[in-house]
Amino acid sequence: MATITETAKKRILSLMDQQNPKVEGLRLTVKTRAPVPEYRLDFVETGKQNPTDVLVVAGGINVFIEPQDSNFLQDVRIDYVNSLEHSGFKIENPKVVEPKTDTPASEAPKLDSPLAETIQQVLDTQINPAVSGHGGYINLVDVRGEIAYIKMSGGCQGCGMASVTLKQGVVTAIKRAVPAIKEVLDTTDHAGGSNPYFSPGK
């Protein structure tokens, strides 16, 4: 169940009173889920909510969520922080699992090698700027020998065009920049994608 702290509630109500035209709640959306989830809060004008939105009432405040994000956001906690380091709303989501820190060194992803750093640079400068327009993100998860392992998220996860993106874009760019890499493997659980950019017809 989504919750709003008292501090956040007071701040939200204060801001709502200042809005013209009047608003009837907040819209909580997910900008990106990986590598670190980013959220966005917007006011929803009275009568302007999307009929497909999922309505959650937290602390007496209406929170509108897009259907594809409802499960991911159902237990979020909205807080308001005002300190020297940070000022603004903070979203905490128990569904976001922190990476394990007890992985044996022999099994830990090898992401600090020159090969990994070059591949990550390719993803950051060539691949992710292109797929971000579709709400997607591609992350390097490991490099073992001549094989690079990647993971797709956001709009790329479960997308019907993911294999095309992989073969024509990602693999080509990585192999061109790093000839030592002979194979690029996709570790994505595409069946778990909740908001694919392109869904093929059934």
N, C-alpha and C. Protein backbone atom coordinates (compact mmCIF):
# COMPACT_ATOMS: atom_id res chain seq x y z
N MET A 1 0.84 -1.20 0.00
CA MET A 1 0.00 0.00 0.00
C MET A 1 0.87 1.25 0.00
N ALA A 2 0.63 2.15 -0.93
CA ALA A 2 1.41 3.38 -1.03
C ALA A 2 1.14 4.28 0.18
N THR A 3 2.19 4.95 0.64
CA THR A 3 2.04 5.85 1.79
C THR A 3 2.71 7.19 1.51
N ILE A 4 2.23 8.20 2.19
CA ILE A 4 2.80 9.55 2.11
C ILE A 4 3.07 10.00 3.54
N THR A 5 4.30 10.39 3.83
CA THR A 5 4.63 10.82 5.18
C THR A 5 3.92 12.14 5.50
N GLU A 6 3.82 12.44 6.79
CA GLU A 6 3.15 13.68 7.20
C GLU A 6 3.88 14.91 6.66
N THR A 7 5.21 14.84 6.64
CA THR A 7 5.99 15.96 6.10
C THR A 7 5.68 16.18 4.63
N ALA A 8 5.65 15.08 3.87
CA ALA A 8 5.34 15.19 2.44
C ALA A 8 3.90 15.63 2.22
N LYS A 9 2.99 15.14 3.07
CA LYS A 9 1.58 15.50 2.93
C LYS A 9 1.37 17.00 3.11
N LYS A 10 2.01 17.57 4.13
CA LYS A 10 1.88 19.01 4.37
C LYS A 10 2.42 19.81 3.19
N ARG A 11 3.54 19.37 2.65
CA ARG A 11 4.14 20.07 1.52
C ARG A 11 3.25 19.96 0.29
N ILE A 12 2.72 18.79 0.04
CA ILE A 12 1.85 18.58 -1.13
C ILE A 12 0.58 19.42 -1.03
N LEU A 13 -0.06 19.39 0.13
CA LEU A 13 -1.30 20.16 0.31
C LEU A 13 -1.05 21.65 0.16
N SER A 14 0.10 22.10 0.66
CA SER A 14 0.45 23.51 0.52
C SER A 14 0.62 23.89 -0.94
N LEU A 15 1.27 23.04 -1.70
CA LEU A 15 1.48 23.31 -3.12
C LEU A 15 0.17 23.21 -3.90
N MET A 16 -0.69 22.28 -3.51
CA MET A 16 -1.97 22.12 -4.19
C MET A 16 -2.84 23.36 -4.02
N ASP A 17 -2.79 23.96 -2.84
CA ASP A 17 -3.59 25.16 -2.58
C ASP A 17 -3.15 26.34 -3.45
N GLN A 18 -1.92 26.30 -3.92
CA GLN A 18 -1.39 27.41 -4.72
C GLN A 18 -1.66 27.24 -6.21
N GLN A 19 -2.19 26.08 -6.60
CA GLN A 19 -2.38 25.81 -8.02
C GLN A 19 -3.65 26.45 -8.57
N ASN A 20 -3.55 26.94 -9.79
CA ASN A 20 -4.70 27.49 -10.50
C ASN A 20 -4.52 27.18 -11.99
N PRO A 21 -5.38 26.35 -12.60
CA PRO A 21 -6.62 25.81 -12.04
C PRO A 21 -6.37 24.76 -10.94
N LYS A 22 -7.42 24.42 -10.26
CA LYS A 22 -7.35 23.50 -9.14
C LYS A 22 -6.92 22.11 -9.59
N VAL A 23 -6.28 21.41 -8.68
CA VAL A 23 -5.84 20.04 -8.97
C VAL A 23 -6.53 19.08 -8.01
N GLU A 24 -6.59 17.83 -8.45
CA GLU A 24 -7.26 16.84 -7.59
C GLU A 24 -6.32 15.73 -7.13
N GLY A 25 -5.05 15.88 -7.41
CA GLY A 25 -4.13 14.88 -6.93
C GLY A 25 -2.79 14.94 -7.63
N LEU A 26 -2.02 13.88 -7.45
CA LEU A 26 -0.69 13.77 -8.02
C LEU A 26 -0.64 12.65 -9.05
N ARG A 27 0.23 12.82 -10.04
CA ARG A 27 0.54 11.72 -10.95
C ARG A 27 1.96 11.26 -10.65
N LEU A 28 2.11 9.98 -10.33
CA LEU A 28 3.42 9.40 -10.06
C LEU A 28 3.78 8.50 -11.23
N THR A 29 4.88 8.82 -11.90
CA THR A 29 5.31 8.03 -13.05
C THR A 29 6.75 7.58 -12.86
N VAL A 30 7.11 6.55 -13.60
CA VAL A 30 8.46 6.02 -13.59
C VAL A 30 9.17 6.48 -14.85
N LYS A 31 10.20 7.30 -14.70
CA LYS A 31 10.95 7.78 -15.86
C LYS A 31 11.86 6.68 -16.39
N THR A 32 12.52 5.98 -15.50
CA THR A 32 13.38 4.86 -15.88
C THR A 32 13.52 3.94 -14.69
N ARG A 33 13.69 2.66 -14.95
CA ARG A 33 13.80 1.69 -13.86
C ARG A 33 15.23 1.24 -13.61
N ALA A 34 16.12 1.46 -14.56
CA ALA A 34 17.48 0.98 -14.39
C ALA A 34 18.46 1.98 -14.97
N PRO A 35 19.69 2.01 -14.45
CA PRO A 35 20.18 1.16 -13.36
C PRO A 35 19.64 1.55 -12.00
N VAL A 36 19.22 2.81 -11.84
CA VAL A 36 18.57 3.27 -10.61
C VAL A 36 17.23 3.90 -11.00
N PRO A 37 16.13 3.44 -10.40
CA PRO A 37 14.83 3.99 -10.77
C PRO A 37 14.74 5.50 -10.58
N GLU A 38 14.11 6.16 -11.53
CA GLU A 38 13.86 7.59 -11.42
C GLU A 38 12.36 7.82 -11.54
N TYR A 39 11.83 8.68 -10.67
CA TYR A 39 10.39 8.91 -10.62
C TYR A 39 10.07 10.38 -10.92
N ARG A 40 8.81 10.61 -11.22
CA ARG A 40 8.37 11.98 -11.47
C ARG A 40 7.01 12.19 -10.83
N LEU A 41 6.85 13.36 -10.19
CA LEU A 41 5.59 13.74 -9.59
C LEU A 41 5.04 14.98 -10.31
N ASP A 42 3.78 14.93 -10.72
CA ASP A 42 3.12 16.06 -11.36
C ASP A 42 1.73 16.22 -10.77
N PHE A 43 1.22 17.46 -10.79
CA PHE A 43 -0.15 17.68 -10.37
C PHE A 43 -1.10 17.30 -11.50
N VAL A 44 -2.27 16.81 -11.12
CA VAL A 44 -3.31 16.46 -12.09
C VAL A 44 -4.46 17.43 -11.91
N GLU A 45 -4.73 18.21 -12.94
CA GLU A 45 -5.81 19.17 -12.87
C GLU A 45 -7.16 18.45 -12.74
N THR A 46 -8.08 19.10 -12.09
CA THR A 46 -9.41 18.53 -11.89
C THR A 46 -10.04 18.20 -13.24
N GLY A 47 -10.46 16.95 -13.39
CA GLY A 47 -11.10 16.51 -14.62
C GLY A 47 -10.13 16.12 -15.71
N LYS A 48 -8.83 16.20 -15.44
CA LYS A 48 -7.83 15.92 -16.47
C LYS A 48 -7.13 14.57 -16.27
N GLN A 49 -7.60 13.76 -15.35
CA GLN A 49 -6.95 12.48 -15.16
C GLN A 49 -7.23 11.56 -16.35
N ASN A 50 -6.32 10.63 -16.58
CA ASN A 50 -6.48 9.65 -17.65
C ASN A 50 -7.46 8.57 -17.17
N PRO A 51 -8.47 8.24 -17.98
CA PRO A 51 -9.45 7.23 -17.54
C PRO A 51 -8.85 5.86 -17.27
N THR A 52 -7.67 5.59 -17.80
CA THR A 52 -7.05 4.29 -17.57
C THR A 52 -6.15 4.28 -16.34
N ASP A 53 -5.97 5.44 -15.71
CA ASP A 53 -5.10 5.52 -14.54
C ASP A 53 -5.60 4.65 -13.40
N VAL A 54 -4.68 4.16 -12.61
CA VAL A 54 -5.01 3.46 -11.38
C VAL A 54 -4.96 4.51 -10.26
N LEU A 55 -6.05 4.62 -9.52
CA LEU A 55 -6.14 5.61 -8.45
C LEU A 55 -5.79 4.98 -7.11
N VAL A 56 -4.82 5.58 -6.42
CA VAL A 56 -4.44 5.15 -5.09
C VAL A 56 -4.61 6.35 -4.16
N VAL A 57 -5.27 6.16 -3.03
CA VAL A 57 -5.44 7.24 -2.06
C VAL A 57 -4.47 7.00 -0.91
N ALA A 58 -3.52 7.91 -0.76
CA ALA A 58 -2.50 7.79 0.28
C ALA A 58 -2.51 9.05 1.14
N GLY A 59 -2.78 8.89 2.42
CA GLY A 59 -2.82 10.04 3.31
C GLY A 59 -3.91 11.03 2.92
N GLY A 60 -4.97 10.53 2.31
CA GLY A 60 -6.06 11.40 1.88
C GLY A 60 -5.80 12.12 0.58
N ILE A 61 -4.68 11.82 -0.08
CA ILE A 61 -4.32 12.48 -1.33
C ILE A 61 -4.43 11.49 -2.48
N ASN A 62 -5.08 11.90 -3.55
CA ASN A 62 -5.21 11.04 -4.73
C ASN A 62 -3.87 10.94 -5.46
N VAL A 63 -3.47 9.72 -5.74
CA VAL A 63 -2.25 9.49 -6.50
C VAL A 63 -2.63 8.67 -7.73
N PHE A 64 -2.39 9.22 -8.92
CA PHE A 64 -2.74 8.56 -10.17
C PHE A 64 -1.50 7.89 -10.75
N ILE A 65 -1.65 6.61 -11.12
CA ILE A 65 -0.53 5.81 -11.61
C ILE A 65 -0.93 5.14 -12.92
N GLU A 66 -0.02 5.12 -13.88
CA GLU A 66 -0.29 4.45 -15.14
C GLU A 66 -0.40 2.95 -14.91
N PRO A 67 -1.30 2.27 -15.62
CA PRO A 67 -1.56 0.85 -15.37
C PRO A 67 -0.31 -0.02 -15.38
N GLN A 68 0.60 0.23 -16.33
CA GLN A 68 1.77 -0.63 -16.44
C GLN A 68 2.74 -0.46 -15.28
N ASP A 69 2.57 0.62 -14.50
CA ASP A 69 3.47 0.86 -13.36
C ASP A 69 2.81 0.53 -12.01
N SER A 70 1.55 0.13 -12.04
CA SER A 70 0.80 -0.02 -10.78
C SER A 70 1.42 -1.06 -9.85
N ASN A 71 1.83 -2.20 -10.36
CA ASN A 71 2.43 -3.21 -9.49
C ASN A 71 3.77 -2.76 -8.95
N PHE A 72 4.55 -2.11 -9.80
CA PHE A 72 5.88 -1.66 -9.39
C PHE A 72 5.81 -0.58 -8.32
N LEU A 73 4.74 0.24 -8.35
CA LEU A 73 4.63 1.38 -7.45
C LEU A 73 3.66 1.18 -6.30
N GLN A 74 3.06 0.02 -6.18
CA GLN A 74 1.97 -0.15 -5.23
C GLN A 74 2.36 0.04 -3.77
N ASP A 75 3.64 -0.15 -3.44
CA ASP A 75 4.07 -0.03 -2.03
C ASP A 75 5.07 1.10 -1.80
N VAL A 76 5.09 2.10 -2.69
CA VAL A 76 6.07 3.17 -2.54
C VAL A 76 5.75 4.04 -1.33
N ARG A 77 6.77 4.72 -0.86
CA ARG A 77 6.64 5.67 0.25
C ARG A 77 7.14 7.02 -0.24
N ILE A 78 6.27 8.02 -0.18
CA ILE A 78 6.62 9.36 -0.65
C ILE A 78 6.95 10.22 0.56
N ASP A 79 8.15 10.76 0.56
CA ASP A 79 8.60 11.59 1.68
C ASP A 79 9.08 12.93 1.12
N TYR A 80 9.23 13.91 2.02
CA TYR A 80 9.79 15.20 1.62
C TYR A 80 10.97 15.49 2.52
N VAL A 81 12.12 15.74 1.90
CA VAL A 81 13.36 15.97 2.63
C VAL A 81 13.84 17.39 2.40
N ASN A 82 14.24 18.05 3.46
CA ASN A 82 14.75 19.41 3.33
C ASN A 82 16.01 19.52 4.18
N SER A 83 17.17 19.37 3.52
CA SER A 83 18.44 19.43 4.22
C SER A 83 19.46 20.16 3.36
N LEU A 84 20.67 20.30 3.89
CA LEU A 84 21.72 20.97 3.13
C LEU A 84 22.11 20.15 1.91
N GLU A 85 22.01 18.81 2.02
CA GLU A 85 22.41 17.94 0.92
C GLU A 85 21.30 17.77 -0.11
N HIS A 86 20.07 17.82 0.31
CA HIS A 86 18.97 17.52 -0.61
C HIS A 86 17.68 18.19 -0.14
N SER A 87 16.95 18.71 -1.10
CA SER A 87 15.64 19.30 -0.80
C SER A 87 14.66 18.89 -1.88
N GLY A 88 13.61 18.21 -1.48
CA GLY A 88 12.61 17.78 -2.45
C GLY A 88 11.96 16.48 -2.03
N PHE A 89 11.10 15.98 -2.90
CA PHE A 89 10.40 14.74 -2.61
C PHE A 89 11.31 13.54 -2.85
N LYS A 90 11.14 12.54 -2.01
CA LYS A 90 11.94 11.32 -2.09
C LYS A 90 11.01 10.12 -2.19
N ILE A 91 11.25 9.28 -3.18
CA ILE A 91 10.43 8.09 -3.39
C ILE A 91 11.21 6.86 -2.95
N GLU A 92 10.66 6.11 -2.02
CA GLU A 92 11.27 4.86 -1.59
C GLU A 92 10.40 3.71 -2.07
N ASN A 93 11.03 2.72 -2.71
CA ASN A 93 10.28 1.61 -3.29
C ASN A 93 10.86 0.29 -2.80
N PRO A 94 10.10 -0.46 -2.00
CA PRO A 94 10.62 -1.73 -1.48
C PRO A 94 10.82 -2.79 -2.56
N LYS A 95 10.27 -2.56 -3.76
CA LYS A 95 10.45 -3.51 -4.85
C LYS A 95 11.83 -3.38 -5.50
N VAL A 96 12.51 -2.30 -5.19
CA VAL A 96 13.87 -2.10 -5.73
C VAL A 96 14.84 -2.78 -4.79
N VAL A 97 15.43 -3.86 -5.23
CA VAL A 97 16.33 -4.65 -4.40
C VAL A 97 17.75 -4.15 -4.58
N GLU A 98 18.41 -3.84 -3.48
CA GLU A 98 19.80 -3.40 -3.53
C GLU A 98 20.69 -4.56 -3.97
N PRO A 99 21.73 -4.29 -4.76
CA PRO A 99 22.65 -5.35 -5.19
C PRO A 99 23.31 -6.04 -4.00
N LYS A 100 23.48 -7.34 -4.11
CA LYS A 100 24.13 -8.10 -3.04
C LYS A 100 25.61 -7.75 -2.99
N THR A 101 26.12 -7.67 -1.76
CA THR A 101 27.53 -7.31 -1.60
C THR A 101 28.38 -8.50 -1.15
N ASP A 102 27.73 -9.68 -1.01
CA ASP A 102 28.47 -10.83 -0.52
C ASP A 102 28.81 -11.82 -1.63
N THR A 103 28.82 -11.37 -2.89
CA THR A 103 29.16 -12.24 -4.00
C THR A 103 30.64 -12.62 -3.92
N PRO A 104 30.97 -13.91 -4.01
CA PRO A 104 32.38 -14.31 -3.97
C PRO A 104 33.18 -13.59 -5.04
N ALA A 105 34.43 -13.25 -4.73
CA ALA A 105 35.26 -12.50 -5.66
C ALA A 105 35.42 -13.23 -6.99
N SER A 106 35.45 -14.58 -6.92
CA SER A 106 35.64 -15.35 -8.14
C SER A 106 34.43 -15.28 -9.06
N GLU A 107 33.25 -14.94 -8.50
CA GLU A 107 32.03 -14.89 -9.28
C GLU A 107 31.56 -13.47 -9.54
N ALA A 108 32.25 -12.49 -8.97
CA ALA A 108 31.83 -11.10 -9.12
C ALA A 108 31.99 -10.65 -10.57
N PRO A 109 31.05 -9.84 -11.08
CA PRO A 109 31.17 -9.33 -12.44
C PRO A 109 32.48 -8.58 -12.63
N LYS A 110 33.10 -8.80 -13.78
CA LYS A 110 34.38 -8.15 -14.06
C LYS A 110 34.12 -6.89 -14.88
N LEU A 111 33.85 -5.80 -14.17
CA LEU A 111 33.48 -4.55 -14.83
C LEU A 111 34.53 -3.47 -14.70
N ASP A 112 35.69 -3.82 -14.13
CA ASP A 112 36.74 -2.81 -13.95
C ASP A 112 37.91 -3.03 -14.90
N SER A 113 37.77 -3.94 -15.85
CA SER A 113 38.83 -4.20 -16.81
C SER A 113 38.77 -3.19 -17.95
N PRO A 114 39.87 -3.02 -18.69
CA PRO A 114 39.84 -2.11 -19.85
C PRO A 114 38.77 -2.48 -20.86
N LEU A 115 38.53 -3.79 -21.06
CA LEU A 115 37.50 -4.22 -22.00
C LEU A 115 36.13 -3.75 -21.54
N ALA A 116 35.84 -3.99 -20.25
CA ALA A 116 34.54 -3.61 -19.71
C ALA A 116 34.33 -2.11 -19.77
N GLU A 117 35.37 -1.36 -19.46
CA GLU A 117 35.26 0.10 -19.48
C GLU A 117 34.99 0.61 -20.88
N THR A 118 35.63 -0.01 -21.87
CA THR A 118 35.40 0.40 -23.26
C THR A 118 33.98 0.07 -23.70
N ILE A 119 33.51 -1.13 -23.32
CA ILE A 119 32.14 -1.52 -23.68
C ILE A 119 31.13 -0.60 -23.02
N GLN A 120 31.35 -0.27 -21.75
CA GLN A 120 30.43 0.63 -21.05
C GLN A 120 30.40 2.00 -21.72
N GLN A 121 31.55 2.44 -22.19
CA GLN A 121 31.61 3.73 -22.88
C GLN A 121 30.80 3.69 -24.17
N VAL A 122 30.85 2.57 -24.88
CA VAL A 122 30.05 2.41 -26.10
C VAL A 122 28.56 2.47 -25.77
N LEU A 123 28.17 1.79 -24.70
CA LEU A 123 26.76 1.80 -24.29
C LEU A 123 26.32 3.21 -23.90
N ASP A 124 27.18 3.91 -23.15
CA ASP A 124 26.82 5.23 -22.65
C ASP A 124 26.75 6.29 -23.74
N THR A 125 27.64 6.18 -24.73
CA THR A 125 27.73 7.24 -25.74
C THR A 125 27.02 6.93 -27.04
N GLN A 126 26.85 5.64 -27.37
CA GLN A 126 26.26 5.30 -28.65
C GLN A 126 24.89 4.63 -28.55
N ILE A 127 24.77 3.70 -27.62
CA ILE A 127 23.56 2.87 -27.57
C ILE A 127 22.45 3.49 -26.72
N ASN A 128 22.75 3.79 -25.45
CA ASN A 128 21.70 4.27 -24.55
C ASN A 128 21.07 5.60 -24.96
N PRO A 129 21.83 6.55 -25.53
CA PRO A 129 21.17 7.77 -26.00
C PRO A 129 20.12 7.48 -27.07
N ALA A 130 20.34 6.42 -27.87
CA ALA A 130 19.39 6.07 -28.92
C ALA A 130 18.15 5.38 -28.38
N VAL A 131 18.34 4.42 -27.47
CA VAL A 131 17.18 3.66 -26.97
C VAL A 131 16.44 4.39 -25.86
N SER A 132 17.05 5.44 -25.29
CA SER A 132 16.37 6.18 -24.22
C SER A 132 15.10 6.86 -24.73
N GLY A 133 15.07 7.16 -26.03
CA GLY A 133 13.87 7.77 -26.60
C GLY A 133 12.69 6.83 -26.58
N HIS A 134 12.96 5.54 -26.42
CA HIS A 134 11.90 4.53 -26.33
C HIS A 134 11.68 4.11 -24.87
N GLY A 135 12.32 4.83 -23.95
CA GLY A 135 12.19 4.48 -22.54
C GLY A 135 13.04 3.29 -22.14
N GLY A 136 14.05 2.96 -22.97
CA GLY A 136 14.87 1.79 -22.70
C GLY A 136 16.24 2.13 -22.15
N TYR A 137 16.92 1.09 -21.67
CA TYR A 137 18.28 1.24 -21.14
C TYR A 137 18.95 -0.12 -21.24
N ILE A 138 20.22 -0.11 -21.67
CA ILE A 138 20.99 -1.34 -21.79
C ILE A 138 22.22 -1.23 -20.90
N ASN A 139 22.41 -2.22 -20.05
CA ASN A 139 23.47 -2.16 -19.06
C ASN A 139 24.42 -3.35 -19.22
N LEU A 140 25.71 -3.12 -19.03
CA LEU A 140 26.69 -4.19 -19.04
C LEU A 140 26.70 -4.85 -17.67
N VAL A 141 26.54 -6.17 -17.63
CA VAL A 141 26.49 -6.86 -16.34
C VAL A 141 27.73 -7.71 -16.08
N ASP A 142 28.45 -8.10 -17.14
CA ASP A 142 29.65 -8.92 -16.90
C ASP A 142 30.44 -9.05 -18.20
N VAL A 143 31.72 -9.33 -18.06
CA VAL A 143 32.60 -9.65 -19.18
C VAL A 143 33.42 -10.85 -18.76
N ARG A 144 33.29 -11.94 -19.50
CA ARG A 144 34.03 -13.16 -19.18
C ARG A 144 34.71 -13.67 -20.45
N GLY A 145 36.01 -13.58 -20.46
CA GLY A 145 36.75 -14.01 -21.63
C GLY A 145 36.41 -13.15 -22.84
N GLU A 146 35.90 -13.81 -23.89
CA GLU A 146 35.54 -13.12 -25.13
C GLU A 146 34.05 -12.82 -25.21
N ILE A 147 33.34 -12.95 -24.08
CA ILE A 147 31.89 -12.78 -24.06
C ILE A 147 31.50 -11.61 -23.17
N ALA A 148 30.64 -10.74 -23.70
CA ALA A 148 30.07 -9.63 -22.91
C ALA A 148 28.61 -9.95 -22.63
N TYR A 149 28.19 -9.74 -21.40
CA TYR A 149 26.82 -10.01 -21.00
C TYR A 149 26.12 -8.68 -20.73
N ILE A 150 24.97 -8.49 -21.37
CA ILE A 150 24.22 -7.25 -21.20
C ILE A 150 22.82 -7.55 -20.71
N LYS A 151 22.15 -6.50 -20.23
CA LYS A 151 20.77 -6.64 -19.76
C LYS A 151 19.97 -5.43 -20.21
N MET A 152 18.81 -5.69 -20.80
CA MET A 152 17.93 -4.63 -21.27
C MET A 152 16.85 -4.36 -20.22
N SER A 153 16.45 -3.09 -20.11
CA SER A 153 15.40 -2.74 -19.16
C SER A 153 14.54 -1.63 -19.74
N GLY A 154 13.51 -1.24 -18.97
CA GLY A 154 12.60 -0.20 -19.45
C GLY A 154 11.86 -0.65 -20.69
N GLY A 155 11.80 0.21 -21.70
CA GLY A 155 11.07 -0.09 -22.92
C GLY A 155 11.70 -1.18 -23.75
N CYS A 156 12.97 -1.53 -23.46
CA CYS A 156 13.64 -2.59 -24.22
C CYS A 156 13.27 -3.98 -23.68
N GLN A 157 12.86 -4.05 -22.41
CA GLN A 157 12.57 -5.35 -21.80
C GLN A 157 11.23 -5.85 -22.29
N GLY A 158 11.23 -6.97 -22.99
CA GLY A 158 10.00 -7.54 -23.51
C GLY A 158 9.59 -6.96 -24.85
N CYS A 159 10.39 -6.05 -25.38
CA CYS A 159 10.07 -5.42 -26.66
C CYS A 159 10.21 -6.42 -27.80
N GLY A 160 9.26 -6.41 -28.73
CA GLY A 160 9.30 -7.32 -29.86
C GLY A 160 10.45 -7.05 -30.80
N MET A 161 11.05 -5.87 -30.70
CA MET A 161 12.17 -5.51 -31.56
C MET A 161 13.51 -5.64 -30.84
N ALA A 162 13.51 -6.23 -29.66
CA ALA A 162 14.74 -6.32 -28.86
C ALA A 162 15.83 -7.09 -29.58
N SER A 163 15.47 -8.20 -30.25
CA SER A 163 16.48 -9.01 -30.94
C SER A 163 17.10 -8.24 -32.09
N VAL A 164 16.29 -7.41 -32.76
CA VAL A 164 16.81 -6.60 -33.86
C VAL A 164 17.77 -5.54 -33.32
N THR A 165 17.36 -4.89 -32.23
CA THR A 165 18.22 -3.90 -31.58
C THR A 165 19.54 -4.53 -31.17
N LEU A 166 19.47 -5.74 -30.62
CA LEU A 166 20.66 -6.43 -30.15
C LEU A 166 21.59 -6.76 -31.30
N LYS A 167 21.04 -7.40 -32.35
CA LYS A 167 21.87 -7.88 -33.45
C LYS A 167 22.41 -6.76 -34.33
N GLN A 168 21.56 -5.79 -34.67
CA GLN A 168 21.96 -4.76 -35.61
C GLN A 168 22.65 -3.56 -34.94
N GLY A 169 22.35 -3.33 -33.67
CA GLY A 169 22.91 -2.16 -33.00
C GLY A 169 23.97 -2.48 -31.98
N VAL A 170 23.57 -3.15 -30.93
CA VAL A 170 24.45 -3.36 -29.78
C VAL A 170 25.65 -4.22 -30.12
N VAL A 171 25.39 -5.39 -30.70
CA VAL A 171 26.48 -6.32 -31.01
C VAL A 171 27.48 -5.69 -31.98
N THR A 172 26.95 -5.06 -33.03
CA THR A 172 27.82 -4.43 -34.03
C THR A 172 28.70 -3.36 -33.42
N ALA A 173 28.08 -2.49 -32.59
CA ALA A 173 28.84 -1.39 -31.99
C ALA A 173 29.91 -1.90 -31.03
N ILE A 174 29.57 -2.90 -30.23
CA ILE A 174 30.52 -3.42 -29.25
C ILE A 174 31.68 -4.13 -29.95
N LYS A 175 31.37 -4.97 -30.93
CA LYS A 175 32.43 -5.71 -31.63
C LYS A 175 33.34 -4.77 -32.41
N ARG A 176 32.77 -3.71 -32.95
CA ARG A 176 33.59 -2.76 -33.71
C ARG A 176 34.55 -2.01 -32.78
N ALA A 177 34.05 -1.65 -31.59
CA ALA A 177 34.89 -0.91 -30.65
C ALA A 177 35.86 -1.82 -29.90
N VAL A 178 35.45 -3.08 -29.67
CA VAL A 178 36.27 -4.02 -28.90
C VAL A 178 36.38 -5.33 -29.68
N PRO A 179 37.31 -5.42 -30.60
CA PRO A 179 37.45 -6.64 -31.43
C PRO A 179 37.69 -7.91 -30.62
N ALA A 180 38.20 -7.77 -29.39
CA ALA A 180 38.46 -8.94 -28.56
C ALA A 180 37.17 -9.63 -28.13
N ILE A 181 36.05 -8.92 -28.17
CA ILE A 181 34.76 -9.50 -27.82
C ILE A 181 34.19 -10.21 -29.04
N LYS A 182 33.97 -11.51 -28.91
CA LYS A 182 33.48 -12.32 -30.02
C LYS A 182 31.98 -12.59 -29.94
N GLU A 183 31.40 -12.40 -28.74
CA GLU A 183 29.98 -12.70 -28.57
C GLU A 183 29.38 -11.77 -27.52
N VAL A 184 28.14 -11.34 -27.78
CA VAL A 184 27.40 -10.51 -26.83
C VAL A 184 26.11 -11.24 -26.50
N LEU A 185 25.92 -11.56 -25.23
CA LEU A 185 24.75 -12.33 -24.82
C LEU A 185 23.78 -11.47 -24.02
N ASP A 186 22.51 -11.62 -24.33
CA ASP A 186 21.44 -10.88 -23.65
C ASP A 186 20.92 -11.70 -22.49
N THR A 187 21.04 -11.18 -21.26
CA THR A 187 20.59 -11.91 -20.07
C THR A 187 19.22 -11.45 -19.59
N THR A 188 18.55 -10.62 -20.40
CA THR A 188 17.28 -10.02 -19.99
C THR A 188 16.16 -11.05 -19.85
N ASP A 189 15.37 -10.89 -18.80
CA ASP A 189 14.14 -11.67 -18.66
C ASP A 189 13.05 -10.92 -19.42
N HIS A 190 12.96 -11.16 -20.72
CA HIS A 190 12.01 -10.39 -21.53
C HIS A 190 10.55 -10.73 -21.19
N ALA A 191 10.33 -11.90 -20.64
CA ALA A 191 8.96 -12.26 -20.25
C ALA A 191 8.46 -11.40 -19.11
N GLY A 192 9.41 -10.81 -18.34
CA GLY A 192 9.02 -9.98 -17.20
C GLY A 192 8.84 -8.52 -17.55
N GLY A 193 9.01 -8.16 -18.81
CA GLY A 193 8.86 -6.76 -19.20
C GLY A 193 7.43 -6.28 -19.01
N SER A 194 7.26 -5.12 -18.35
CA SER A 194 5.92 -4.61 -18.07
C SER A 194 5.53 -3.43 -18.94
N ASN A 195 6.51 -2.85 -19.64
CA ASN A 195 6.19 -1.68 -20.46
C ASN A 195 7.06 -1.65 -21.71
N PRO A 196 6.94 -2.69 -22.59
CA PRO A 196 7.78 -2.74 -23.78
C PRO A 196 7.43 -1.64 -24.76
N TYR A 197 8.45 -1.13 -25.45
CA TYR A 197 8.22 -0.06 -26.43
C TYR A 197 7.39 -0.60 -27.60
N PHE A 198 7.65 -1.83 -28.01
CA PHE A 198 6.93 -2.41 -29.13
C PHE A 198 6.48 -3.81 -28.78
N SER A 199 5.19 -4.07 -28.87
CA SER A 199 4.65 -5.39 -28.60
C SER A 199 4.11 -5.99 -29.88
N PRO A 200 4.63 -7.12 -30.35
CA PRO A 200 4.13 -7.72 -31.57
C PRO A 200 2.70 -8.19 -31.40
N GLY A 201 1.95 -8.18 -32.49
CA GLY A 201 0.55 -8.62 -32.44
C GLY A 201 0.46 -10.09 -32.11
N LYS A 202 -0.60 -10.41 -31.40
CA LYS A 202 -0.81 -11.81 -31.02
C LYS A 202 -1.37 -12.60 -32.20
